[in-house]
Amino acid sequence: MNDITILVVDDEARMRKLIKDFLNQKGYQILEAGDGEEALKIFEENGNKINLILLDVMMPKLDGWSVLRQIRQISKIPIMMLTARGEEQDELFGFELGVDEYISKPFSPKILVARVEAILKRSLGDKTVLKDYGGISIDPEGRTVKIDGKQIEMSLREYELLKYLVDNSGIALSRDKILNNVWNYDYYGDSRTIDSHIKKIRHKLGKKGKYIETMRGVGYKFEIK
């Protein structure tokens, strides 16, 4: 694991140390930032070697949402938001901006580590061959999606959701099943977050967005007709 680097961004030194200590035990290399401006500077200097960002929301100088927006303009790097807020709307807002994972304070460090390992596994560990689904090409190794040969931009969560749907082509998948398999843990928020992600994926797929069918009273199904 010593080749995996994680940027921890939080204005509380004690919180950064807590996270760093637990992640160091797993062999991860840690970079630290105490505010949003410092985070952007570190990312600019080390972006090519950073594999994941743990980003606090409430910070001085530049808050987490602002940092997220700027990074998403240039990178699809996985980002997990750390927040003291537990409101459902805040979580939906984060997913809309491109957050890949979300955890509210206070949290168990062991749970945090488990989620970090899950997101790294999703972003780094899928090494299978290129697959084509009716003009939608998915490259699990590069974690890229192309429509008729043209690459489209997707967040990690959008990519994982689309891949799960196409891997289960022709099967009606309930929202609960999607949450359990794509979000990879028990999600206690509203399942509308799936609907939000589906809407964005359909838009990015263009005409091929019709392959994702809404199954009334159930969930969704990917099927090429």
C-alpha atoms as a PDB file:
ATOM      1  CA  MET A   1       0.000   0.000   0.000  1.00  0.00           C
ATOM      2  CA  ASN A   2       3.004   2.341   0.318  1.00  0.00           C
ATOM      3  CA  ASP A   3       2.468   3.586  -3.245  1.00  0.00           C
ATOM      4  CA  ILE A   4      -1.008   4.940  -2.429  1.00  0.00           C
ATOM      5  CA  THR A   5      -1.182   8.563  -1.303  1.00  0.00           C
ATOM      6  CA  ILE A   6      -4.166  10.192   0.401  1.00  0.00           C
ATOM      7  CA  LEU A   7      -4.643  13.926   0.922  1.00  0.00           C
ATOM      8  CA  VAL A   8      -6.401  14.690   4.218  1.00  0.00           C
ATOM      9  CA  VAL A   9      -7.943  18.176   4.356  1.00  0.00           C
ATOM     10  CA  ASP A  10      -9.336  19.383   7.691  1.00  0.00           C
ATOM     11  CA  ASP A  11      -8.808  22.550   9.718  1.00  0.00           C
ATOM     12  CA  GLU A  12      -8.709  20.571  12.984  1.00  0.00           C
ATOM     13  CA  ALA A  13      -5.174  19.294  13.633  1.00  0.00           C
ATOM     14  CA  ARG A  14      -6.446  16.633  16.028  1.00  0.00           C
ATOM     15  CA  MET A  15      -8.810  15.259  13.396  1.00  0.00           C
ATOM     16  CA  ARG A  16      -6.046  15.140  10.792  1.00  0.00           C
ATOM     17  CA  LYS A  17      -3.766  13.304  13.224  1.00  0.00           C
ATOM     18  CA  LEU A  18      -6.490  10.790  14.104  1.00  0.00           C
ATOM     19  CA  ILE A  19      -7.157  10.018  10.448  1.00  0.00           C
ATOM     20  CA  LYS A  20      -3.454   9.953   9.592  1.00  0.00           C
ATOM     21  CA  ASP A  21      -2.606   7.536  12.407  1.00  0.00           C
ATOM     22  CA  PHE A  22      -5.252   5.022  11.348  1.00  0.00           C
ATOM     23  CA  LEU A  23      -4.431   5.258   7.653  1.00  0.00           C
ATOM     24  CA  ASN A  24      -0.686   5.016   8.325  1.00  0.00           C
ATOM     25  CA  GLN A  25      -1.353   1.700  10.049  1.00  0.00           C
ATOM     26  CA  LYS A  26      -2.657   0.425   6.712  1.00  0.00           C
ATOM     27  CA  GLY A  27       0.473   1.595   4.914  1.00  0.00           C
ATOM     28  CA  TYR A  28      -0.991   4.620   3.139  1.00  0.00           C
ATOM     29  CA  GLN A  29       1.102   7.732   2.560  1.00  0.00           C
ATOM     30  CA  ILE A  30      -0.606  10.860   3.912  1.00  0.00           C
ATOM     31  CA  LEU A  31      -0.436  14.492   2.818  1.00  0.00           C
ATOM     32  CA  GLU A  32      -2.130  17.113   5.016  1.00  0.00           C
ATOM     33  CA  ALA A  33      -3.798  20.473   4.484  1.00  0.00           C
ATOM     34  CA  GLY A  34      -5.353  22.712   7.129  1.00  0.00           C
ATOM     35  CA  ASP A  35      -7.571  24.791   4.838  1.00  0.00           C
ATOM     36  CA  GLY A  36      -8.974  24.876   1.333  1.00  0.00           C
ATOM     37  CA  GLU A  37      -6.311  27.100  -0.192  1.00  0.00           C
ATOM     38  CA  GLU A  38      -3.519  24.881   1.118  1.00  0.00           C
ATOM     39  CA  ALA A  39      -5.365  21.825  -0.209  1.00  0.00           C
ATOM     40  CA  LEU A  40      -5.503  23.239  -3.742  1.00  0.00           C
ATOM     41  CA  LYS A  41      -1.812  24.147  -3.606  1.00  0.00           C
ATOM     42  CA  ILE A  42      -0.830  20.646  -2.466  1.00  0.00           C
ATOM     43  CA  PHE A  43      -3.053  19.062  -5.110  1.00  0.00           C
ATOM     44  CA  GLU A  44      -1.520  21.251  -7.803  1.00  0.00           C
ATOM     45  CA  GLU A  45       1.968  20.148  -6.755  1.00  0.00           C
ATOM     46  CA  ASN A  46       1.195  16.463  -6.098  1.00  0.00           C
ATOM     47  CA  GLY A  47      -1.955  15.682  -8.088  1.00  0.00           C
ATOM     48  CA  ASN A  48      -0.248  13.049 -10.216  1.00  0.00           C
ATOM     49  CA  LYS A  49       0.485  10.863  -7.191  1.00  0.00           C
ATOM     50  CA  ILE A  50      -2.591  11.491  -5.003  1.00  0.00           C
ATOM     51  CA  ASN A  51      -5.098   8.617  -5.182  1.00  0.00           C
ATOM     52  CA  LEU A  52      -7.835   9.901  -2.864  1.00  0.00           C
ATOM     53  CA  ILE A  53      -8.864  13.110  -1.085  1.00  0.00           C
ATOM     54  CA  LEU A  54     -10.605  13.218   2.299  1.00  0.00           C
ATOM     55  CA  LEU A  55     -12.130  16.689   2.319  1.00  0.00           C
ATOM     56  CA  ASP A  56     -13.776  18.513   5.224  1.00  0.00           C
ATOM     57  CA  VAL A  57     -16.667  20.824   4.393  1.00  0.00           C
ATOM     58  CA  MET A  58     -16.410  23.628   6.964  1.00  0.00           C
ATOM     59  CA  MET A  59     -12.967  25.260   6.730  1.00  0.00           C
ATOM     60  CA  PRO A  60     -11.489  28.778   6.810  1.00  0.00           C
ATOM     61  CA  LYS A  61     -10.313  30.667   3.702  1.00  0.00           C
ATOM     62  CA  LEU A  62     -11.964  28.239   1.276  1.00  0.00           C
ATOM     63  CA  ASP A  63     -14.618  25.692   2.212  1.00  0.00           C
ATOM     64  CA  GLY A  64     -14.813  22.095   1.024  1.00  0.00           C
ATOM     65  CA  TRP A  65     -17.505  22.739  -1.575  1.00  0.00           C
ATOM     66  CA  SER A  66     -15.326  25.369  -3.265  1.00  0.00           C
ATOM     67  CA  VAL A  67     -12.313  23.056  -3.240  1.00  0.00           C
ATOM     68  CA  LEU A  68     -14.432  20.255  -4.666  1.00  0.00           C
ATOM     69  CA  ARG A  69     -15.712  22.412  -7.514  1.00  0.00           C
ATOM     70  CA  GLN A  70     -12.215  23.524  -8.514  1.00  0.00           C
ATOM     71  CA  ILE A  71     -10.733  20.029  -8.405  1.00  0.00           C
ATOM     72  CA  ARG A  72     -13.642  18.589 -10.390  1.00  0.00           C
ATOM     73  CA  GLN A  73     -12.862  21.026 -13.199  1.00  0.00           C
ATOM     74  CA  ILE A  74      -9.545  19.271 -13.816  1.00  0.00           C
ATOM     75  CA  SER A  75      -9.691  15.837 -12.176  1.00  0.00           C
ATOM     76  CA  LYS A  76     -11.888  12.807 -11.530  1.00  0.00           C
ATOM     77  CA  ILE A  77      -9.857  11.757  -8.488  1.00  0.00           C
ATOM     78  CA  PRO A  78     -12.052  10.044  -5.833  1.00  0.00           C
ATOM     79  CA  ILE A  79     -13.157  12.497  -3.131  1.00  0.00           C
ATOM     80  CA  MET A  80     -14.716  11.628   0.221  1.00  0.00           C
ATOM     81  CA  MET A  81     -16.355  14.492   2.081  1.00  0.00           C
ATOM     82  CA  LEU A  82     -16.015  14.745   5.866  1.00  0.00           C
ATOM     83  CA  THR A  83     -18.726  16.802   7.496  1.00  0.00           C
ATOM     84  CA  ALA A  84     -20.360  17.520  10.821  1.00  0.00           C
ATOM     85  CA  ARG A  85     -23.650  17.940   9.004  1.00  0.00           C
ATOM     86  CA  GLY A  86     -25.969  14.981   8.756  1.00  0.00           C
ATOM     87  CA  GLU A  87     -28.696  16.520   6.667  1.00  0.00           C
ATOM     88  CA  GLU A  88     -29.927  14.527   3.695  1.00  0.00           C
ATOM     89  CA  GLN A  89     -29.982  17.590   1.439  1.00  0.00           C
ATOM     90  CA  ASP A  90     -26.309  18.245   2.163  1.00  0.00           C
ATOM     91  CA  GLU A  91     -25.462  14.718   1.054  1.00  0.00           C
ATOM     92  CA  LEU A  92     -27.512  15.046  -2.130  1.00  0.00           C
ATOM     93  CA  PHE A  93     -25.823  18.392  -2.824  1.00  0.00           C
ATOM     94  CA  GLY A  94     -22.412  16.762  -2.416  1.00  0.00           C
ATOM     95  CA  PHE A  95     -23.244  13.935  -4.813  1.00  0.00           C
ATOM     96  CA  GLU A  96     -24.512  16.454  -7.360  1.00  0.00           C
ATOM     97  CA  LEU A  97     -21.133  18.224  -7.238  1.00  0.00           C
ATOM     98  CA  GLY A  98     -19.245  14.978  -7.832  1.00  0.00           C
ATOM     99  CA  VAL A  99     -18.553  13.573  -4.375  1.00  0.00           C
ATOM    100  CA  ASP A 100     -17.737   9.854  -4.512  1.00  0.00           C
ATOM    101  CA  GLU A 101     -18.239   9.093  -0.834  1.00  0.00           C
ATOM    102  CA  TYR A 102     -19.686  10.861   2.183  1.00  0.00           C
ATOM    103  CA  ILE A 103     -19.197  10.357   5.917  1.00  0.00           C
ATOM    104  CA  SER A 104     -20.542  12.468   8.779  1.00  0.00           C
ATOM    105  CA  LYS A 105     -18.700  13.371  11.959  1.00  0.00           C
ATOM    106  CA  PRO A 106     -18.378  11.916  14.483  1.00  0.00           C
ATOM    107  CA  PHE A 107     -17.413   8.651  12.813  1.00  0.00           C
ATOM    108  CA  SER A 108     -15.623   5.482  13.804  1.00  0.00           C
ATOM    109  CA  PRO A 109     -12.027   5.563  12.489  1.00  0.00           C
ATOM    110  CA  LYS A 110     -12.380   1.876  11.623  1.00  0.00           C
ATOM    111  CA  ILE A 111     -15.454   2.612   9.514  1.00  0.00           C
ATOM    112  CA  LEU A 112     -13.593   5.449   7.825  1.00  0.00           C
ATOM    113  CA  VAL A 113     -10.703   3.118   6.972  1.00  0.00           C
ATOM    114  CA  ALA A 114     -13.142   0.518   5.619  1.00  0.00           C
ATOM    115  CA  ARG A 115     -14.746   3.094   3.333  1.00  0.00           C
ATOM    116  CA  VAL A 116     -11.337   4.358   2.202  1.00  0.00           C
ATOM    117  CA  GLU A 117     -10.302   0.818   1.298  1.00  0.00           C
ATOM    118  CA  ALA A 118     -13.593   0.237  -0.540  1.00  0.00           C
ATOM    119  CA  ILE A 119     -13.291   3.374  -2.638  1.00  0.00           C
ATOM    120  CA  LEU A 120      -9.647   2.648  -3.469  1.00  0.00           C
ATOM    121  CA  LYS A 121     -10.578  -0.883  -4.470  1.00  0.00           C
ATOM    122  CA  ARG A 122     -13.238   0.464  -6.804  1.00  0.00           C
ATOM    123  CA  SER A 123     -10.973   3.086  -8.345  1.00  0.00           C
ATOM    124  CA  LEU A 124      -7.745   1.073  -8.585  1.00  0.00           C
ATOM    125  CA  GLY A 125      -8.541  -2.593  -8.400  1.00  0.00           C
ATOM    126  CA  ASP A 126     -10.829  -3.459 -11.312  1.00  0.00           C
ATOM    127  CA  LYS A 127      -8.564  -4.969 -13.984  1.00  0.00           C
ATOM    128  CA  THR A 128     -10.727  -6.553 -16.635  1.00  0.00           C
ATOM    129  CA  VAL A 129     -11.046  -6.244 -20.396  1.00  0.00           C
ATOM    130  CA  LEU A 130     -12.741  -3.515 -22.387  1.00  0.00           C
ATOM    131  CA  LYS A 131     -16.451  -4.146 -22.849  1.00  0.00           C
ATOM    132  CA  ASP A 132     -18.921  -2.675 -25.318  1.00  0.00           C
ATOM    133  CA  TYR A 133     -22.647  -2.321 -24.703  1.00  0.00           C
ATOM    134  CA  GLY A 134     -24.486  -1.026 -27.751  1.00  0.00           C
ATOM    135  CA  GLY A 135     -21.914   1.657 -28.458  1.00  0.00           C
ATOM    136  CA  ILE A 136     -21.145   2.315 -24.786  1.00  0.00           C
ATOM    137  CA  SER A 137     -17.557   1.172 -24.221  1.00  0.00           C
ATOM    138  CA  ILE A 138     -16.363   0.632 -20.659  1.00  0.00           C
ATOM    139  CA  ASP A 139     -12.691   0.212 -19.796  1.00  0.00           C
ATOM    140  CA  PRO A 140     -12.496  -1.013 -16.164  1.00  0.00           C
ATOM    141  CA  GLU A 141      -8.709  -0.727 -16.045  1.00  0.00           C
ATOM    142  CA  GLY A 142      -8.684   2.917 -17.081  1.00  0.00           C
ATOM    143  CA  ARG A 143     -12.102   3.536 -15.493  1.00  0.00           C
ATOM    144  CA  THR A 144     -13.259   5.327 -18.625  1.00  0.00           C
ATOM    145  CA  VAL A 145     -16.485   5.358 -20.627  1.00  0.00           C
ATOM    146  CA  LYS A 146     -16.767   6.119 -24.329  1.00  0.00           C
ATOM    147  CA  ILE A 147     -19.869   6.730 -26.428  1.00  0.00           C
ATOM    148  CA  ASP A 148     -19.287   5.683 -30.040  1.00  0.00           C
ATOM    149  CA  GLY A 149     -15.562   6.130 -29.478  1.00  0.00           C
ATOM    150  CA  LYS A 150     -15.779   9.514 -27.728  1.00  0.00           C
ATOM    151  CA  GLN A 151     -14.796   9.573 -24.058  1.00  0.00           C
ATOM    152  CA  ILE A 152     -17.205  11.193 -21.605  1.00  0.00           C
ATOM    153  CA  GLU A 153     -16.419  12.539 -18.151  1.00  0.00           C
ATOM    154  CA  MET A 154     -17.881  10.651 -15.188  1.00  0.00           C
ATOM    155  CA  SER A 155     -17.335  10.757 -11.451  1.00  0.00           C
ATOM    156  CA  LEU A 156     -16.289   7.522  -9.765  1.00  0.00           C
ATOM    157  CA  ARG A 157     -19.797   6.984  -8.389  1.00  0.00           C
ATOM    158  CA  GLU A 158     -21.419   7.580 -11.770  1.00  0.00           C
ATOM    159  CA  TYR A 159     -18.981   5.156 -13.382  1.00  0.00           C
ATOM    160  CA  GLU A 160     -19.597   2.467 -10.747  1.00  0.00           C
ATOM    161  CA  LEU A 161     -23.369   2.859 -11.040  1.00  0.00           C
ATOM    162  CA  LEU A 162     -23.312   2.603 -14.828  1.00  0.00           C
ATOM    163  CA  LYS A 163     -20.988  -0.403 -14.713  1.00  0.00           C
ATOM    164  CA  TYR A 164     -23.212  -2.163 -12.187  1.00  0.00           C
ATOM    165  CA  LEU A 165     -26.246  -1.601 -14.407  1.00  0.00           C
ATOM    166  CA  VAL A 166     -24.575  -2.888 -17.575  1.00  0.00           C
ATOM    167  CA  ASP A 167     -23.005  -5.844 -15.762  1.00  0.00           C
ATOM    168  CA  ASN A 168     -26.557  -6.820 -14.837  1.00  0.00           C
ATOM    169  CA  SER A 169     -28.144  -6.102 -18.213  1.00  0.00           C
ATOM    170  CA  GLY A 170     -31.746  -7.199 -18.507  1.00  0.00           C
ATOM    171  CA  ILE A 171     -32.223  -7.481 -14.751  1.00  0.00           C
ATOM    172  CA  ALA A 172     -34.586  -5.180 -12.853  1.00  0.00           C
ATOM    173  CA  LEU A 173     -32.560  -3.820  -9.939  1.00  0.00           C
ATOM    174  CA  SER A 174     -34.216  -2.325  -6.883  1.00  0.00           C
ATOM    175  CA  ARG A 175     -32.883   0.896  -5.392  1.00  0.00           C
ATOM    176  CA  ASP A 176     -31.934  -0.954  -2.204  1.00  0.00           C
ATOM    177  CA  LYS A 177     -29.931  -3.494  -4.181  1.00  0.00           C
ATOM    178  CA  ILE A 178     -28.173  -0.740  -6.102  1.00  0.00           C
ATOM    179  CA  LEU A 179     -27.285   1.083  -2.877  1.00  0.00           C
ATOM    180  CA  ASN A 180     -25.937  -2.077  -1.268  1.00  0.00           C
ATOM    181  CA  ASN A 181     -23.791  -3.006  -4.257  1.00  0.00           C
ATOM    182  CA  VAL A 182     -22.649   0.343  -5.618  1.00  0.00           C
ATOM    183  CA  TRP A 183     -22.384   2.409  -2.455  1.00  0.00           C
ATOM    184  CA  ASN A 184     -20.870  -0.662  -0.818  1.00  0.00           C
ATOM    185  CA  TYR A 185     -22.254  -0.007   2.669  1.00  0.00           C
ATOM    186  CA  ASP A 186     -25.584   0.520   4.372  1.00  0.00           C
ATOM    187  CA  TYR A 187     -26.708   3.949   3.183  1.00  0.00           C
ATOM    188  CA  TYR A 188     -29.131   5.613   5.567  1.00  0.00           C
ATOM    189  CA  GLY A 189     -30.087   8.566   3.421  1.00  0.00           C
ATOM    190  CA  ASP A 190     -32.877   8.814   0.894  1.00  0.00           C
ATOM    191  CA  SER A 191     -32.666   6.579  -2.174  1.00  0.00           C
ATOM    192  CA  ARG A 192     -33.355   9.663  -4.276  1.00  0.00           C
ATOM    193  CA  THR A 193     -29.592   9.994  -4.538  1.00  0.00           C
ATOM    194  CA  ILE A 194     -29.781   7.099  -7.042  1.00  0.00           C
ATOM    195  CA  ASP A 195     -32.377   8.961  -9.106  1.00  0.00           C
ATOM    196  CA  SER A 196     -30.105  12.007  -9.125  1.00  0.00           C
ATOM    197  CA  HIS A 197     -27.146   9.966 -10.365  1.00  0.00           C
ATOM    198  CA  ILE A 198     -29.246   8.181 -13.001  1.00  0.00           C
ATOM    199  CA  LYS A 199     -30.464  11.520 -14.340  1.00  0.00           C
ATOM    200  CA  LYS A 200     -26.890  12.756 -14.750  1.00  0.00           C
ATOM    201  CA  ILE A 201     -25.739   9.488 -16.354  1.00  0.00           C
ATOM    202  CA  ARG A 202     -28.603   9.513 -18.859  1.00  0.00           C
ATOM    203  CA  HIS A 203     -27.720  13.072 -19.810  1.00  0.00           C
ATOM    204  CA  LYS A 204     -24.083  12.136 -20.385  1.00  0.00           C
ATOM    205  CA  LEU A 205     -25.032   9.064 -22.435  1.00  0.00           C
ATOM    206  CA  GLY A 206     -27.139  11.180 -24.768  1.00  0.00           C
ATOM    207  CA  LYS A 207     -29.386   9.080 -27.005  1.00  0.00           C
ATOM    208  CA  LYS A 208     -28.061   5.921 -25.382  1.00  0.00           C
ATOM    209  CA  GLY A 209     -29.460   7.084 -22.054  1.00  0.00           C
ATOM    210  CA  LYS A 210     -32.671   5.328 -23.114  1.00  0.00           C
ATOM    211  CA  TYR A 211     -30.917   2.007 -22.381  1.00  0.00           C
ATOM    212  CA  ILE A 212     -31.450   2.762 -18.684  1.00  0.00           C
ATOM    213  CA  GLU A 213     -35.119   2.027 -18.063  1.00  0.00           C
ATOM    214  CA  THR A 214     -37.087   3.149 -15.032  1.00  0.00           C
ATOM    215  CA  MET A 215     -38.943   0.184 -13.546  1.00  0.00           C
ATOM    216  CA  ARG A 216     -41.919   1.733 -11.810  1.00  0.00           C
ATOM    217  CA  GLY A 217     -42.174   0.610  -8.204  1.00  0.00           C
ATOM    218  CA  VAL A 218     -38.874  -1.267  -8.451  1.00  0.00           C
ATOM    219  CA  GLY A 219     -35.833   0.654  -9.612  1.00  0.00           C
ATOM    220  CA  TYR A 220     -33.854   0.537 -12.861  1.00  0.00           C
ATOM    221  CA  LYS A 221     -32.804  -1.838 -15.615  1.00  0.00           C
ATOM    222  CA  PHE A 222     -30.170  -1.548 -18.350  1.00  0.00           C
ATOM    223  CA  GLU A 223     -31.311  -3.135 -21.584  1.00  0.00           C
ATOM    224  CA  ILE A 224     -30.323  -2.627 -25.206  1.00  0.00           C
ATOM    225  CA  LYS A 225     -33.272  -2.857 -27.586  1.00  0.00           C
END
